[in-house]
Amino acid sequence: MGDTPLTETNDPPSRPEHTVLVVDDERGARDALRMILEPHFRVLTADTGELALETLKREPISVMTLDLRMPGLSGPETLLKIREINSDLEVVIVTAYASYGETMRALRLRAFDLVAKPFESGAVLKTIRRAAERYESRRRASSYEALEGLTSRLIESIRGLSESESQSLSQNGKVTLDQIRAQAQNLLRRLTGDVGRG
């Protein structure tokens, strides 16, 4: 008996779920962060706050690393403008020159965390992963809230539901699709006078 040959798949490599935008005026810092993050995330870079803002307008970004001291728009000024474009973006401040005032301003603008330069690659990766998880968690919560609102409006729009049926369907938002389907079938039978044949 011969060995069974291994088959290769032609599936494309999986695309990273999150995109990280690295914003730093120092090329060495941008390149170092790119090398650390690229095996785990899609990474884009910008050397100015202005370029970061342009990138945010055209790319879906989950997490941004942001230097505090840059020519042109400073880190805090960039962060303030970022919040106008994307209030859910997680921002990790990566800087060597953080004054207490700058740090407090960045944190008031909802920066996720601060990493000091020179940074340790494992610590940076861990912080970015936590930020991406928080972004994902917020995105899911937002989607769930939208779905919950849609479900409530749908339940309210169904004519012929008794108050107890309506409450049963909408209680705590923990209704399964099978429960809604069963309630709809019961309602249809009641509306068509077919209660005896269930």
Protein backbone atom coordinates (compact mmCIF):
# COMPACT_ATOMS: atom_id res chain seq x y z
CA MET A 1 0.00 0.00 0.00
CA GLY A 2 1.27 3.45 -0.91
CA ASP A 3 1.11 6.61 1.08
CA THR A 4 -1.91 8.77 0.46
CA PRO A 5 -0.73 12.05 -1.01
CA LEU A 6 -1.55 15.19 0.92
CA THR A 7 -3.85 17.53 -0.90
CA GLU A 8 -3.24 21.23 -0.85
CA THR A 9 -6.11 23.63 -0.56
CA ASN A 10 -6.25 26.68 -2.70
CA ASP A 11 -8.23 28.60 -0.13
CA PRO A 12 -6.97 32.14 0.31
CA PRO A 13 -5.50 32.90 3.72
CA SER A 14 -8.07 34.22 6.15
CA ARG A 15 -8.26 37.99 6.24
CA PRO A 16 -7.72 39.63 9.61
CA GLU A 17 -10.99 40.73 11.17
CA HIS A 18 -9.72 44.07 12.48
CA THR A 19 -7.78 46.90 10.91
CA VAL A 20 -5.31 48.90 13.00
CA LEU A 21 -4.22 52.37 11.92
CA VAL A 22 -0.75 53.27 13.24
CA VAL A 23 -0.29 57.05 13.46
CA ASP A 24 3.21 58.29 14.31
CA ASP A 25 5.52 60.86 12.73
CA GLU A 26 8.56 58.64 13.42
CA ARG A 27 9.10 56.06 10.68
CA GLY A 28 10.93 53.69 13.05
CA ALA A 29 7.98 53.56 15.45
CA ARG A 30 5.50 53.04 12.59
CA ASP A 31 7.60 50.22 11.12
CA ALA A 32 8.09 48.53 14.51
CA LEU A 33 4.36 48.60 15.26
CA ARG A 34 3.58 47.31 11.77
CA MET A 35 5.97 44.35 12.24
CA ILE A 36 4.44 43.49 15.62
CA LEU A 37 0.82 43.81 14.52
CA GLU A 38 0.74 42.56 10.90
CA PRO A 39 0.68 38.84 11.73
CA HIS A 40 -2.57 39.46 13.65
CA PHE A 41 -4.27 42.49 12.08
CA ARG A 42 -4.56 44.39 8.84
CA VAL A 43 -2.27 47.40 9.42
CA LEU A 44 -2.36 50.82 7.80
CA THR A 45 -0.02 53.68 8.69
CA ALA A 46 -0.12 57.47 8.68
CA ASP A 47 2.64 59.92 9.55
CA THR A 48 0.36 62.86 10.40
CA GLY A 49 -2.94 63.47 12.13
CA GLU A 50 -4.34 64.91 8.92
CA LEU A 51 -3.53 61.74 6.96
CA ALA A 52 -5.06 59.65 9.76
CA LEU A 53 -8.31 61.59 9.48
CA GLU A 54 -8.38 61.09 5.69
CA THR A 55 -7.77 57.36 6.17
CA LEU A 56 -10.59 57.10 8.72
CA LYS A 57 -13.04 58.58 6.25
CA ARG A 58 -12.38 55.85 3.67
CA GLU A 59 -11.31 52.76 5.65
CA PRO A 60 -13.08 50.72 8.36
CA ILE A 61 -10.70 50.99 11.33
CA SER A 62 -11.20 49.13 14.64
CA VAL A 63 -8.15 50.34 16.58
CA MET A 64 -5.72 53.21 16.16
CA THR A 65 -2.35 53.73 17.79
CA LEU A 66 -1.65 57.43 18.13
CA ASP A 67 1.49 59.35 19.05
CA LEU A 68 0.77 62.38 21.25
CA ARG A 69 3.45 64.71 19.88
CA MET A 70 3.45 65.14 16.13
CA PRO A 71 3.93 68.11 13.82
CA GLY A 72 0.70 69.62 12.48
CA LEU A 73 -2.23 68.20 14.41
CA SER A 74 -1.03 66.92 17.78
CA GLY A 75 -2.24 63.58 19.12
CA PRO A 76 -4.93 65.12 21.37
CA GLU A 77 -6.13 67.41 18.54
CA THR A 78 -6.26 64.43 16.19
CA LEU A 79 -8.15 62.40 18.80
CA LEU A 80 -10.70 65.19 19.22
CA LYS A 81 -11.36 65.24 15.46
CA ILE A 82 -11.43 61.42 15.33
CA ARG A 83 -14.31 61.37 17.80
CA GLU A 84 -16.31 63.53 15.36
CA ILE A 85 -15.79 60.94 12.59
CA ASN A 86 -15.90 57.66 14.54
CA SER A 87 -16.87 57.76 18.18
CA ASP A 88 -16.55 53.96 18.60
CA LEU A 89 -12.94 53.66 17.42
CA GLU A 90 -10.57 52.38 20.11
CA VAL A 91 -7.46 54.54 20.39
CA VAL A 92 -4.24 53.47 22.10
CA ILE A 93 -1.82 56.30 22.80
CA VAL A 94 1.80 55.28 22.07
CA THR A 95 4.25 58.00 23.10
CA ALA A 96 7.59 58.77 24.72
CA TYR A 97 6.70 62.29 25.80
CA ALA A 98 3.44 62.06 27.63
CA SER A 99 2.98 64.91 30.04
CA TYR A 100 0.38 64.51 32.75
CA GLY A 101 -1.84 67.13 31.09
CA GLU A 102 -1.62 65.52 27.62
CA THR A 103 -2.30 62.09 29.07
CA MET A 104 -5.34 63.30 31.01
CA ARG A 105 -6.69 65.08 27.94
CA ALA A 106 -6.31 61.93 25.84
CA LEU A 107 -8.03 59.82 28.48
CA ARG A 108 -10.88 62.33 28.74
CA LEU A 109 -11.32 61.90 24.99
CA ARG A 110 -11.78 58.17 25.67
CA ALA A 111 -8.40 56.79 24.70
CA PHE A 112 -8.42 53.07 25.48
CA ASP A 113 -4.93 52.90 27.01
CA LEU A 114 -1.46 54.44 26.93
CA VAL A 115 1.74 52.60 25.99
CA ALA A 116 5.11 54.24 26.69
CA LYS A 117 7.98 54.22 24.19
CA PRO A 118 10.19 52.30 23.99
CA PHE A 119 7.55 49.59 24.09
CA GLU A 120 7.77 45.83 24.54
CA SER A 121 6.20 43.99 21.60
CA GLY A 122 4.21 41.53 23.73
CA ALA A 123 2.69 44.32 25.82
CA VAL A 124 1.74 46.34 22.74
CA LEU A 125 0.14 43.32 21.07
CA LYS A 126 -1.80 42.45 24.23
CA THR A 127 -3.10 46.03 24.53
CA ILE A 128 -4.15 46.17 20.86
CA ARG A 129 -5.89 42.80 21.15
CA ARG A 130 -7.82 44.02 24.21
CA ALA A 131 -8.80 47.19 22.32
CA ALA A 132 -9.97 45.13 19.32
CA GLU A 133 -12.01 42.87 21.63
CA ARG A 134 -13.64 45.92 23.21
CA TYR A 135 -14.42 47.35 19.77
CA GLU A 136 -15.97 44.04 18.73
CA SER A 137 -17.95 43.83 21.96
CA ARG A 138 -19.35 47.33 21.44
CA ARG A 139 -20.18 46.55 17.82
CA ARG A 140 -22.05 43.39 18.84
CA ALA A 141 -23.92 45.22 21.59
CA SER A 142 -24.93 47.90 19.10
CA SER A 143 -26.14 45.25 16.63
CA TYR A 144 -28.06 43.47 19.40
CA GLU A 145 -29.72 46.73 20.49
CA ALA A 146 -30.76 47.43 16.90
CA LEU A 147 -32.14 43.89 16.53
CA GLU A 148 -33.93 44.17 19.88
CA GLY A 149 -35.55 47.44 18.76
CA LEU A 150 -36.61 45.85 15.47
CA THR A 151 -38.06 42.87 17.33
CA SER A 152 -40.03 45.17 19.65
CA ARG A 153 -41.44 47.12 16.70
CA LEU A 154 -42.30 43.86 14.93
CA ILE A 155 -44.13 42.50 17.97
CA GLU A 156 -46.00 45.80 18.41
CA SER A 157 -47.06 45.71 14.74
CA ILE A 158 -48.66 42.25 14.93
CA ARG A 159 -52.40 42.78 15.13
CA GLY A 160 -54.51 40.39 17.12
CA LEU A 161 -51.98 39.62 19.85
CA SER A 162 -53.40 39.63 23.34
CA GLU A 163 -51.55 41.67 25.93
CA SER A 164 -50.18 38.50 27.55
CA GLU A 165 -48.95 37.17 24.18
CA SER A 166 -47.29 40.49 23.42
CA GLN A 167 -45.62 40.51 26.84
CA SER A 168 -44.58 36.88 26.44
CA LEU A 169 -42.92 37.62 23.11
CA SER A 170 -41.11 40.72 24.30
CA GLN A 171 -40.06 39.65 27.79
CA ASN A 172 -36.36 40.31 28.33
CA GLY A 173 -35.64 40.02 24.61
CA LYS A 174 -34.89 36.32 25.13
CA VAL A 175 -37.36 34.93 22.63
CA THR A 176 -36.20 32.29 20.20
CA LEU A 177 -37.17 32.20 16.57
CA ASP A 178 -39.10 28.97 17.24
CA GLN A 179 -41.16 30.72 19.92
CA ILE A 180 -42.00 33.58 17.57
CA ARG A 181 -42.87 31.08 14.81
CA ALA A 182 -45.17 29.11 17.18
CA GLN A 183 -46.89 32.32 18.34
CA ALA A 184 -47.36 33.39 14.71
CA GLN A 185 -48.89 30.02 13.82
CA ASN A 186 -51.25 30.22 16.81
CA LEU A 187 -52.25 33.73 15.82
CA LEU A 188 -52.85 32.67 12.22
CA ARG A 189 -55.06 29.80 13.36
CA ARG A 190 -57.06 32.16 15.62
CA LEU A 191 -57.47 34.73 12.86
CA THR A 192 -58.60 32.14 10.31
CA GLY A 193 -60.95 30.38 12.78
CA ASP A 194 -58.95 27.19 12.57
CA VAL A 195 -58.35 26.77 16.31
CA GLY A 196 -59.66 23.20 16.48
CA ARG A 197 -57.17 21.74 14.00
CA GLY A 198 -53.77 22.29 15.60
